[in-house]
Amino acid sequence: MHSASTLQTNRQPEPTIRLTPREQQVLLWCAYGKTSWEIGQILGCKESTVNFHVGNILRKFDVETRVAAVIKAIRYKLLGDPEETHDER
């Protein structure tokens, strides 16, 4: 049986995922359960633009769903406060 410290040393380092500020905003609103249309209204852009960012997020996280991306973002501590990422226009 392996001790917890042995398991920690055998783990591969987590990949570095770099999101643009806009991707961070989109991912955060996905975490709040917003649709692409709603996120577009919040951020002042088109739904298709939000979907473009979601596609990039899914590719970067190597996942197929928004929920999976949000779970990975929580694991990697990549989700911030909506007040810090919301563009005031």
PDB file of N, CA and C in Angstrom:
ATOM      1  N   MET A   1       0.849  -1.192   0.000  1.00  0.00           N
ATOM      2  CA  MET A   1       0.000   0.000   0.000  1.00  0.00           C
ATOM      3  C   MET A   1       0.884   1.242   0.000  1.00  0.00           C
ATOM      4  N   HIS A   2       0.512   2.231  -0.795  1.00  0.00           N
ATOM      5  CA  HIS A   2       1.289   3.463  -0.907  1.00  0.00           C
ATOM      6  C   HIS A   2       0.810   4.486   0.109  1.00  0.00           C
ATOM      7  N   SER A   3       1.761   5.210   0.664  1.00  0.00           N
ATOM      8  CA  SER A   3       1.374   6.300   1.553  1.00  0.00           C
ATOM      9  C   SER A   3       0.968   7.512   0.710  1.00  0.00           C
ATOM     10  N   ALA A   4       0.314   8.452   1.335  1.00  0.00           N
ATOM     11  CA  ALA A   4      -0.157   9.643   0.613  1.00  0.00           C
ATOM     12  C   ALA A   4       1.017  10.417   0.024  1.00  0.00           C
ATOM     13  N   SER A   5       2.143  10.477   0.738  1.00  0.00           N
ATOM     14  CA  SER A   5       3.289  11.221   0.223  1.00  0.00           C
ATOM     15  C   SER A   5       3.892  10.530  -0.997  1.00  0.00           C
ATOM     16  N   THR A   6       3.863   9.200  -1.033  1.00  0.00           N
ATOM     17  CA  THR A   6       4.371   8.477  -2.187  1.00  0.00           C
ATOM     18  C   THR A   6       3.493   8.734  -3.400  1.00  0.00           C
ATOM     19  N   LEU A   7       2.169   8.752  -3.203  1.00  0.00           N
ATOM     20  CA  LEU A   7       1.263   9.001  -4.308  1.00  0.00           C
ATOM     21  C   LEU A   7       1.455  10.407  -4.868  1.00  0.00           C
ATOM     22  N   GLN A   8       1.710  11.379  -3.997  1.00  0.00           N
ATOM     23  CA  GLN A   8       1.906  12.745  -4.449  1.00  0.00           C
ATOM     24  C   GLN A   8       3.148  12.855  -5.330  1.00  0.00           C
ATOM     25  N   THR A   9       4.224  12.179  -4.976  1.00  0.00           N
ATOM     26  CA  THR A   9       5.459  12.292  -5.755  1.00  0.00           C
ATOM     27  C   THR A   9       5.371  11.568  -7.081  1.00  0.00           C
ATOM     28  N   ASN A  10       4.474  10.598  -7.205  1.00  0.00           N
ATOM     29  CA  ASN A  10       4.326   9.857  -8.449  1.00  0.00           C
ATOM     30  C   ASN A  10       3.387  10.529  -9.442  1.00  0.00           C
ATOM     31  N   ARG A  11       2.700  11.560  -9.032  1.00  0.00           N
ATOM     32  CA  ARG A  11       1.742  12.230  -9.916  1.00  0.00           C
ATOM     33  C   ARG A  11       2.476  13.073 -10.943  1.00  0.00           C
ATOM     34  N   GLN A  12       1.921  13.102 -12.145  1.00  0.00           N
ATOM     35  CA  GLN A  12       2.449  13.957 -13.197  1.00  0.00           C
ATOM     36  C   GLN A  12       2.018  15.394 -12.914  1.00  0.00           C
ATOM     37  N   PRO A  13       2.864  16.374 -13.235  1.00  0.00           N
ATOM     38  CA  PRO A  13       2.435  17.767 -13.034  1.00  0.00           C
ATOM     39  C   PRO A  13       1.245  18.098 -13.917  1.00  0.00           C
ATOM     40  N   GLU A  14       0.335  18.893 -13.380  1.00  0.00           N
ATOM     41  CA  GLU A  14      -0.849  19.292 -14.142  1.00  0.00           C
ATOM     42  C   GLU A  14      -0.415  20.219 -15.279  1.00  0.00           C
ATOM     43  N   PRO A  15      -1.052  20.103 -16.434  1.00  0.00           N
ATOM     44  CA  PRO A  15      -0.685  20.978 -17.552  1.00  0.00           C
ATOM     45  C   PRO A  15      -1.062  22.430 -17.246  1.00  0.00           C
ATOM     46  N   THR A  16      -0.276  23.346 -17.767  1.00  0.00           N
ATOM     47  CA  THR A  16      -0.579  24.758 -17.604  1.00  0.00           C
ATOM     48  C   THR A  16      -1.605  25.162 -18.658  1.00  0.00           C
ATOM     49  N   ILE A  17      -2.715  25.685 -18.192  1.00  0.00           N
ATOM     50  CA  ILE A  17      -3.776  26.129 -19.092  1.00  0.00           C
ATOM     51  C   ILE A  17      -3.829  27.643 -19.014  1.00  0.00           C
ATOM     52  N   ARG A  18      -3.662  28.287 -20.151  1.00  0.00           N
ATOM     53  CA  ARG A  18      -3.685  29.746 -20.201  1.00  0.00           C
ATOM     54  C   ARG A  18      -4.943  30.199 -20.941  1.00  0.00           C
ATOM     55  N   LEU A  19      -5.770  30.935 -20.216  1.00  0.00           N
ATOM     56  CA  LEU A  19      -6.987  31.484 -20.799  1.00  0.00           C
ATOM     57  C   LEU A  19      -6.823  32.983 -20.986  1.00  0.00           C
ATOM     58  N   THR A  20      -7.406  33.489 -22.062  1.00  0.00           N
ATOM     59  CA  THR A  20      -7.431  34.935 -22.249  1.00  0.00           C
ATOM     60  C   THR A  20      -8.390  35.531 -21.216  1.00  0.00           C
ATOM     61  N   PRO A  21      -8.283  36.829 -20.969  1.00  0.00           N
ATOM     62  CA  PRO A  21      -9.236  37.453 -20.029  1.00  0.00           C
ATOM     63  C   PRO A  21     -10.693  37.218 -20.439  1.00  0.00           C
ATOM     64  N   ARG A  22     -10.993  37.286 -21.726  1.00  0.00           N
ATOM     65  CA  ARG A  22     -12.366  37.074 -22.188  1.00  0.00           C
ATOM     66  C   ARG A  22     -12.788  35.623 -21.967  1.00  0.00           C
ATOM     67  N   GLU A  23     -11.889  34.681 -22.224  1.00  0.00           N
ATOM     68  CA  GLU A  23     -12.207  33.273 -21.969  1.00  0.00           C
ATOM     69  C   GLU A  23     -12.473  33.052 -20.490  1.00  0.00           C
ATOM     70  N   GLN A  24     -11.731  33.731 -19.624  1.00  0.00           N
ATOM     71  CA  GLN A  24     -11.969  33.618 -18.185  1.00  0.00           C
ATOM     72  C   GLN A  24     -13.359  34.130 -17.828  1.00  0.00           C
ATOM     73  N   GLN A  25     -13.747  35.253 -18.445  1.00  0.00           N
ATOM     74  CA  GLN A  25     -15.078  35.796 -18.188  1.00  0.00           C
ATOM     75  C   GLN A  25     -16.155  34.825 -18.647  1.00  0.00           C
ATOM     76  N   VAL A  26     -16.007  34.306 -19.852  1.00  0.00           N
ATOM     77  CA  VAL A  26     -16.998  33.377 -20.402  1.00  0.00           C
ATOM     78  C   VAL A  26     -17.090  32.130 -19.533  1.00  0.00           C
ATOM     79  N   LEU A  27     -15.955  31.585 -19.135  1.00  0.00           N
ATOM     80  CA  LEU A  27     -15.955  30.379 -18.310  1.00  0.00           C
ATOM     81  C   LEU A  27     -16.629  30.629 -16.969  1.00  0.00           C
ATOM     82  N   LEU A  28     -16.376  31.777 -16.391  1.00  0.00           N
ATOM     83  CA  LEU A  28     -17.011  32.102 -15.115  1.00  0.00           C
ATOM     84  C   LEU A  28     -18.530  32.134 -15.243  1.00  0.00           C
ATOM     85  N   TRP A  29     -19.023  32.774 -16.302  1.00  0.00           N
ATOM     86  CA  TRP A  29     -20.470  32.842 -16.474  1.00  0.00           C
ATOM     87  C   TRP A  29     -21.038  31.474 -16.823  1.00  0.00           C
ATOM     88  N   CYS A  30     -20.251  30.630 -17.494  1.00  0.00           N
ATOM     89  CA  CYS A  30     -20.680  29.234 -17.706  1.00  0.00           C
ATOM     90  C   CYS A  30     -20.841  28.536 -16.362  1.00  0.00           C
ATOM     91  N   ALA A  31     -19.926  28.815 -15.452  1.00  0.00           N
ATOM     92  CA  ALA A  31     -19.993  28.204 -14.117  1.00  0.00           C
ATOM     93  C   ALA A  31     -21.256  28.629 -13.377  1.00  0.00           C
ATOM     94  N   TYR A  32     -21.748  29.820 -13.681  1.00  0.00           N
ATOM     95  CA  TYR A  32     -22.995  30.302 -13.075  1.00  0.00           C
ATOM     96  C   TYR A  32     -24.228  29.789 -13.810  1.00  0.00           C
ATOM     97  N   GLY A  33     -24.005  28.970 -14.832  1.00  0.00           N
ATOM     98  CA  GLY A  33     -25.118  28.344 -15.539  1.00  0.00           C
ATOM     99  C   GLY A  33     -25.748  29.201 -16.624  1.00  0.00           C
ATOM    100  N   LYS A  34     -25.068  30.243 -17.041  1.00  0.00           N
ATOM    101  CA  LYS A  34     -25.610  31.125 -18.075  1.00  0.00           C
ATOM    102  C   LYS A  34     -25.477  30.486 -19.456  1.00  0.00           C
ATOM    103  N   THR A  35     -26.441  30.765 -20.312  1.00  0.00           N
ATOM    104  CA  THR A  35     -26.385  30.296 -21.698  1.00  0.00           C
ATOM    105  C   THR A  35     -25.472  31.223 -22.494  1.00  0.00           C
ATOM    106  N   SER A  36     -25.118  30.797 -23.697  1.00  0.00           N
ATOM    107  CA  SER A  36     -24.295  31.651 -24.560  1.00  0.00           C
ATOM    108  C   SER A  36     -24.993  32.975 -24.836  1.00  0.00           C
ATOM    109  N   TRP A  37     -26.294  32.932 -25.071  1.00  0.00           N
ATOM    110  CA  TRP A  37     -27.036  34.169 -25.320  1.00  0.00           C
ATOM    111  C   TRP A  37     -26.959  35.096 -24.116  1.00  0.00           C
ATOM    112  N   GLU A  38     -27.168  34.541 -22.910  1.00  0.00           N
ATOM    113  CA  GLU A  38     -27.117  35.355 -21.689  1.00  0.00           C
ATOM    114  C   GLU A  38     -25.726  35.947 -21.481  1.00  0.00           C
ATOM    115  N   ILE A  39     -24.698  35.132 -21.707  1.00  0.00           N
ATOM    116  CA  ILE A  39     -23.327  35.623 -21.543  1.00  0.00           C
ATOM    117  C   ILE A  39     -23.058  36.752 -22.538  1.00  0.00           C
ATOM    118  N   GLY A  40     -23.538  36.596 -23.755  1.00  0.00           N
ATOM    119  CA  GLY A  40     -23.391  37.655 -24.745  1.00  0.00           C
ATOM    120  C   GLY A  40     -24.036  38.951 -24.289  1.00  0.00           C
ATOM    121  N   GLN A  41     -25.221  38.860 -23.688  1.00  0.00           N
ATOM    122  CA  GLN A  41     -25.906  40.047 -23.180  1.00  0.00           C
ATOM    123  C   GLN A  41     -25.098  40.683 -22.046  1.00  0.00           C
ATOM    124  N   ILE A  42     -24.546  39.855 -21.166  1.00  0.00           N
ATOM    125  CA  ILE A  42     -23.771  40.351 -20.026  1.00  0.00           C
ATOM    126  C   ILE A  42     -22.490  41.035 -20.499  1.00  0.00           C
ATOM    127  N   LEU A  43     -21.805  40.409 -21.453  1.00  0.00           N
ATOM    128  CA  LEU A  43     -20.500  40.911 -21.891  1.00  0.00           C
ATOM    129  C   LEU A  43     -20.587  41.871 -23.071  1.00  0.00           C
ATOM    130  N   GLY A  44     -21.778  42.035 -23.621  1.00  0.00           N
ATOM    131  CA  GLY A  44     -21.948  42.961 -24.729  1.00  0.00           C
ATOM    132  C   GLY A  44     -21.359  42.463 -26.033  1.00  0.00           C
ATOM    133  N   CYS A  45     -21.540  41.180 -26.306  1.00  0.00           N
ATOM    134  CA  CYS A  45     -21.054  40.615 -27.568  1.00  0.00           C
ATOM    135  C   CYS A  45     -22.100  39.652 -28.120  1.00  0.00           C
ATOM    136  N   LYS A  46     -21.854  39.133 -29.300  1.00  0.00           N
ATOM    137  CA  LYS A  46     -22.808  38.228 -29.936  1.00  0.00           C
ATOM    138  C   LYS A  46     -22.716  36.823 -29.340  1.00  0.00           C
ATOM    139  N   GLU A  47     -23.813  36.103 -29.429  1.00  0.00           N
ATOM    140  CA  GLU A  47     -23.861  34.710 -28.980  1.00  0.00           C
ATOM    141  C   GLU A  47     -22.814  33.879 -29.714  1.00  0.00           C
ATOM    142  N   SER A  48     -22.636  34.133 -31.003  1.00  0.00           N
ATOM    143  CA  SER A  48     -21.646  33.379 -31.782  1.00  0.00           C
ATOM    144  C   SER A  48     -20.224  33.634 -31.278  1.00  0.00           C
ATOM    145  N   THR A  49     -19.967  34.844 -30.801  1.00  0.00           N
ATOM    146  CA  THR A  49     -18.656  35.162 -30.236  1.00  0.00           C
ATOM    147  C   THR A  49     -18.440  34.384 -28.945  1.00  0.00           C
ATOM    148  N   VAL A  50     -19.461  34.310 -28.114  1.00  0.00           N
ATOM    149  CA  VAL A  50     -19.380  33.525 -26.885  1.00  0.00           C
ATOM    150  C   VAL A  50     -19.100  32.065 -27.232  1.00  0.00           C
ATOM    151  N   ASN A  51     -19.814  31.533 -28.229  1.00  0.00           N
ATOM    152  CA  ASN A  51     -19.596  30.140 -28.628  1.00  0.00           C
ATOM    153  C   ASN A  51     -18.171  29.914 -29.135  1.00  0.00           C
ATOM    154  N   PHE A  52     -17.606  30.908 -29.813  1.00  0.00           N
ATOM    155  CA  PHE A  52     -16.219  30.832 -30.257  1.00  0.00           C
ATOM    156  C   PHE A  52     -15.289  30.680 -29.052  1.00  0.00           C
ATOM    157  N   HIS A  53     -15.520  31.508 -28.020  1.00  0.00           N
ATOM    158  CA  HIS A  53     -14.691  31.439 -26.817  1.00  0.00           C
ATOM    159  C   HIS A  53     -14.890  30.116 -26.085  1.00  0.00           C
ATOM    160  N   VAL A  54     -16.129  29.646 -26.028  1.00  0.00           N
ATOM    161  CA  VAL A  54     -16.405  28.353 -25.382  1.00  0.00           C
ATOM    162  C   VAL A  54     -15.647  27.247 -26.109  1.00  0.00           C
ATOM    163  N   GLY A  55     -15.654  27.275 -27.427  1.00  0.00           N
ATOM    164  CA  GLY A  55     -14.912  26.278 -28.200  1.00  0.00           C
ATOM    165  C   GLY A  55     -13.428  26.289 -27.870  1.00  0.00           C
ATOM    166  N   ASN A  56     -12.856  27.490 -27.744  1.00  0.00           N
ATOM    167  CA  ASN A  56     -11.443  27.593 -27.369  1.00  0.00           C
ATOM    168  C   ASN A  56     -11.191  27.049 -25.967  1.00  0.00           C
ATOM    169  N   ILE A  57     -12.105  27.345 -25.056  1.00  0.00           N
ATOM    170  CA  ILE A  57     -11.982  26.854 -23.675  1.00  0.00           C
ATOM    171  C   ILE A  57     -12.011  25.331 -23.664  1.00  0.00           C
ATOM    172  N   LEU A  58     -12.965  24.731 -24.372  1.00  0.00           N
ATOM    173  CA  LEU A  58     -13.083  23.273 -24.408  1.00  0.00           C
ATOM    174  C   LEU A  58     -11.815  22.645 -24.980  1.00  0.00           C
ATOM    175  N   ARG A  59     -11.272  23.264 -26.024  1.00  0.00           N
ATOM    176  CA  ARG A  59     -10.044  22.748 -26.638  1.00  0.00           C
ATOM    177  C   ARG A  59      -8.871  22.842 -25.656  1.00  0.00           C
ATOM    178  N   LYS A  60      -8.737  23.973 -25.000  1.00  0.00           N
ATOM    179  CA  LYS A  60      -7.618  24.173 -24.069  1.00  0.00           C
ATOM    180  C   LYS A  60      -7.693  23.221 -22.876  1.00  0.00           C
ATOM    181  N   PHE A  61      -8.901  22.947 -22.414  1.00  0.00           N
ATOM    182  CA  PHE A  61      -9.076  22.036 -21.283  1.00  0.00           C
ATOM    183  C   PHE A  61      -9.146  20.574 -21.722  1.00  0.00           C
ATOM    184  N   ASP A  62      -9.198  20.348 -23.028  1.00  0.00           N
ATOM    185  CA  ASP A  62      -9.288  19.006 -23.594  1.00  0.00           C
ATOM    186  C   ASP A  62     -10.503  18.266 -23.037  1.00  0.00           C
ATOM    187  N   VAL A  63     -11.656  18.941 -23.101  1.00  0.00           N
ATOM    188  CA  VAL A  63     -12.916  18.370 -22.636  1.00  0.00           C
ATOM    189  C   VAL A  63     -13.974  18.613 -23.711  1.00  0.00           C
ATOM    190  N   GLU A  64     -15.130  17.971 -23.542  1.00  0.00           N
ATOM    191  CA  GLU A  64     -16.190  18.092 -24.543  1.00  0.00           C
ATOM    192  C   GLU A  64     -17.399  18.896 -24.094  1.00  0.00           C
ATOM    193  N   THR A  65     -17.481  19.222 -22.803  1.00  0.00           N
ATOM    194  CA  THR A  65     -18.644  19.958 -22.314  1.00  0.00           C
ATOM    195  C   THR A  65     -18.225  21.138 -21.441  1.00  0.00           C
ATOM    196  N   ARG A  66     -19.139  22.085 -21.337  1.00  0.00           N
ATOM    197  CA  ARG A  66     -18.904  23.237 -20.463  1.00  0.00           C
ATOM    198  C   ARG A  66     -18.749  22.792 -19.009  1.00  0.00           C
ATOM    199  N   VAL A  67     -19.573  21.832 -18.605  1.00  0.00           N
ATOM    200  CA  VAL A  67     -19.519  21.360 -17.219  1.00  0.00           C
ATOM    201  C   VAL A  67     -18.142  20.785 -16.912  1.00  0.00           C
ATOM    202  N   ALA A  68     -17.603  19.998 -17.831  1.00  0.00           N
ATOM    203  CA  ALA A  68     -16.276  19.420 -17.629  1.00  0.00           C
ATOM    204  C   ALA A  68     -15.223  20.525 -17.552  1.00  0.00           C
ATOM    205  N   ALA A  69     -15.364  21.560 -18.372  1.00  0.00           N
ATOM    206  CA  ALA A  69     -14.414  22.681 -18.336  1.00  0.00           C
ATOM    207  C   ALA A  69     -14.494  23.406 -16.997  1.00  0.00           C
ATOM    208  N   VAL A  70     -15.703  23.618 -16.502  1.00  0.00           N
ATOM    209  CA  VAL A  70     -15.874  24.284 -15.215  1.00  0.00           C
ATOM    210  C   VAL A  70     -15.254  23.448 -14.100  1.00  0.00           C
ATOM    211  N   ILE A  71     -15.456  22.139 -14.134  1.00  0.00           N
ATOM    212  CA  ILE A  71     -14.875  21.262 -13.109  1.00  0.00           C
ATOM    213  C   ILE A  71     -13.358  21.358 -13.125  1.00  0.00           C
ATOM    214  N   LYS A  72     -12.761  21.319 -14.316  1.00  0.00           N
ATOM    215  CA  LYS A  72     -11.303  21.449 -14.407  1.00  0.00           C
ATOM    216  C   LYS A  72     -10.850  22.822 -13.925  1.00  0.00           C
ATOM    217  N   ALA A  73     -11.590  23.859 -14.252  1.00  0.00           N
ATOM    218  CA  ALA A  73     -11.229  25.210 -13.825  1.00  0.00           C
ATOM    219  C   ALA A  73     -11.260  25.318 -12.301  1.00  0.00           C
ATOM    220  N   ILE A  74     -12.237  24.679 -11.678  1.00  0.00           N
ATOM    221  CA  ILE A  74     -12.298  24.668 -10.218  1.00  0.00           C
ATOM    222  C   ILE A  74     -11.087  23.928  -9.667  1.00  0.00           C
ATOM    223  N   ARG A  75     -10.769  22.790 -10.259  1.00  0.00           N
ATOM    224  CA  ARG A  75      -9.620  22.000  -9.818  1.00  0.00           C
ATOM    225  C   ARG A  75      -8.327  22.797  -9.915  1.00  0.00           C
ATOM    226  N   TYR A  76      -8.168  23.554 -10.993  1.00  0.00           N
ATOM    227  CA  TYR A  76      -6.943  24.333 -11.210  1.00  0.00           C
ATOM    228  C   TYR A  76      -7.013  25.729 -10.611  1.00  0.00           C
ATOM    229  N   LYS A  77      -8.131  26.025  -9.912  1.00  0.00           N
ATOM    230  CA  LYS A  77      -8.336  27.327  -9.269  1.00  0.00           C
ATOM    231  C   LYS A  77      -8.243  28.480 -10.276  1.00  0.00           C
ATOM    232  N   LEU A  78      -8.941  28.329 -11.401  1.00  0.00           N
ATOM    233  CA  LEU A  78      -8.927  29.333 -12.462  1.00  0.00           C
ATOM    234  C   LEU A  78     -10.176  30.196 -12.507  1.00  0.00           C
ATOM    235  N   LEU A  79     -11.125  29.948 -11.635  1.00  0.00           N
ATOM    236  CA  LEU A  79     -12.353  30.758 -11.634  1.00  0.00           C
ATOM    237  C   LEU A  79     -12.210  31.884 -10.621  1.00  0.00           C
ATOM    238  N   GLY A  80     -12.569  33.105 -11.048  1.00  0.00           N
ATOM    239  CA  GLY A  80     -12.470  34.257 -10.170  1.00  0.00           C
ATOM    240  C   GLY A  80     -13.826  34.815  -9.821  1.00  0.00           C
ATOM    241  N   ASP A  81     -13.809  35.978  -9.221  1.00  0.00           N
ATOM    242  CA  ASP A  81     -15.010  36.692  -8.820  1.00  0.00           C
ATOM    243  C   ASP A  81     -15.621  37.381 -10.041  1.00  0.00           C
ATOM    244  N   PRO A  82     -16.933  37.253 -10.256  1.00  0.00           N
ATOM    245  CA  PRO A  82     -17.528  37.896 -11.437  1.00  0.00           C
ATOM    246  C   PRO A  82     -17.350  39.408 -11.435  1.00  0.00           C
ATOM    247  N   GLU A  83     -17.259  40.022 -10.274  1.00  0.00           N
ATOM    248  CA  GLU A  83     -17.070  41.472 -10.198  1.00  0.00           C
ATOM    249  C   GLU A  83     -15.696  41.866 -10.726  1.00  0.00           C
ATOM    250  N   GLU A  84     -14.713  40.969 -10.589  1.00  0.00           N
ATOM    251  CA  GLU A  84     -13.355  41.270 -11.050  1.00  0.00           C
ATOM    252  C   GLU A  84     -13.232  41.079 -12.550  1.00  0.00           C
ATOM    253  N   THR A  85     -14.071  40.214 -13.151  1.00  0.00           N
ATOM    254  CA  THR A  85     -13.910  39.911 -14.564  1.00  0.00           C
ATOM    255  C   THR A  85     -14.974  40.555 -15.437  1.00  0.00           C
ATOM    256  N   HIS A  86     -15.959  41.204 -14.867  1.00  0.00           N
ATOM    257  CA  HIS A  86     -17.055  41.793 -15.641  1.00  0.00           C
ATOM    258  C   HIS A  86     -16.631  43.142 -16.194  1.00  0.00           C
ATOM    259  N   ASP A  87     -16.773  43.328 -17.497  1.00  0.00           N
ATOM    260  CA  ASP A  87     -16.484  44.612 -18.133  1.00  0.00           C
ATOM    261  C   ASP A  87     -17.598  45.584 -17.826  1.00  0.00           C
ATOM    262  N   GLU A  88     -17.268  46.687 -17.219  1.00  0.00           N
ATOM    263  CA  GLU A  88     -18.271  47.735 -16.966  1.00  0.00           C
ATOM    264  C   GLU A  88     -18.281  48.647 -18.187  1.00  0.00           C
ATOM    265  N   ARG A  89     -19.412  48.687 -18.873  1.00  0.00           N
ATOM    266  CA  ARG A  89     -19.503  49.544 -20.061  1.00  0.00           C
ATOM    267  C   ARG A  89     -20.629  50.512 -19.910  1.00  0.00           C
TER     268      ARG A  89
END
